Protein backbone atom coordinates (compact mmCIF):
# COMPACT_ATOMS: atom_id res chain seq x y z
CA MET A 1 -1.89 -23.32 39.57
CA SER A 2 0.53 -22.67 42.37
CA GLY A 3 -1.79 -24.04 45.06
CA ARG A 4 -4.70 -21.76 44.18
CA VAL A 5 -7.93 -23.30 42.99
CA SER A 6 -10.02 -21.67 40.28
CA VAL A 7 -13.35 -20.59 41.77
CA PRO A 8 -15.34 -21.25 38.55
CA ILE A 9 -13.89 -24.77 38.29
CA LEU A 10 -14.65 -25.43 41.95
CA ARG A 11 -18.24 -24.19 41.50
CA GLU A 12 -18.76 -26.44 38.51
CA LEU A 13 -17.24 -29.43 40.31
CA ARG A 14 -19.53 -28.88 43.31
CA GLY A 15 -22.60 -28.35 41.13
CA VAL A 16 -25.03 -30.89 39.74
CA LEU A 17 -25.13 -29.67 36.14
CA CYS A 18 -22.56 -30.77 33.59
CA GLN A 19 -21.04 -28.31 31.15
CA CYS A 20 -23.34 -29.83 28.49
CA GLY A 21 -26.43 -29.00 30.55
CA GLY A 22 -27.01 -32.60 31.62
CA LYS A 23 -27.28 -33.81 35.20
CA LYS A 24 -24.18 -34.99 37.04
CA LEU A 25 -23.36 -36.00 40.56
CA ARG A 26 -21.89 -33.42 42.90
CA ASP A 27 -18.09 -33.62 43.09
CA GLN A 28 -17.91 -35.37 39.72
CA THR A 29 -16.45 -33.43 36.84
CA PHE A 30 -18.86 -34.37 34.06
CA CYS A 31 -22.05 -36.31 33.44
CA ARG A 32 -21.70 -39.95 32.47
CA ALA A 33 -22.16 -39.19 28.75
CA CYS A 34 -19.46 -36.51 28.61
CA TYR A 35 -17.04 -38.52 30.72
CA GLY A 36 -17.60 -41.48 28.41
CA ARG A 37 -16.67 -39.39 25.37
CA LEU A 38 -13.17 -38.86 26.80
CA SER A 39 -10.36 -41.32 26.19
CA ARG A 40 -8.97 -43.18 29.18
CA THR A 41 -5.83 -41.02 29.00
CA LEU A 42 -8.03 -37.94 29.44
CA GLN A 43 -10.23 -39.49 32.13
CA LEU A 44 -7.44 -40.52 34.49
CA PRO A 45 -5.99 -37.03 35.13
CA LEU A 46 -9.46 -35.84 36.19
CA TRP A 47 -8.88 -37.79 39.40
CA LYS A 48 -5.92 -35.61 40.36
CA PRO A 49 -6.47 -33.36 43.38
CA LEU A 50 -7.47 -29.73 43.08
CA GLY A 51 -4.31 -27.68 42.88
CA GLY A 52 -2.38 -30.79 41.86
CA GLY A 53 -3.09 -31.01 38.15
CA TYR A 54 -6.88 -31.31 38.11
CA GLU A 55 -7.38 -27.85 36.64
CA GLN A 56 -5.20 -28.56 33.59
CA ALA A 57 -6.91 -31.91 33.08
CA TYR A 58 -10.32 -30.22 33.29
CA THR A 59 -9.35 -27.52 30.78
CA THR A 60 -8.02 -30.11 28.33
CA ALA A 61 -11.15 -32.26 28.69
CA LEU A 62 -13.38 -29.22 28.06
CA GLU A 63 -11.51 -28.44 24.87
CA ILE A 64 -12.15 -31.98 23.64
CA LEU A 65 -15.81 -31.99 24.67
CA ARG A 66 -16.53 -28.65 23.02
CA ARG A 67 -15.34 -29.86 19.64
CA PRO A 68 -18.16 -30.71 17.24
CA VAL A 69 -19.01 -34.40 17.28
């Protein structure tokens, strides 16, 4: 993202509601249930820093989580 951080992603990261509507801890990407639905290869990139690959990892994870179960 060329050093710029997406404001909506930052707001969601700083919030306490997961994209599913469940509760999550501030500064965590997803609630425990959503995070657990992701494979380890999708979980690990979510620990990258903002502006350093986190945004792409978040977008990919959202695509997976929004698929019907």
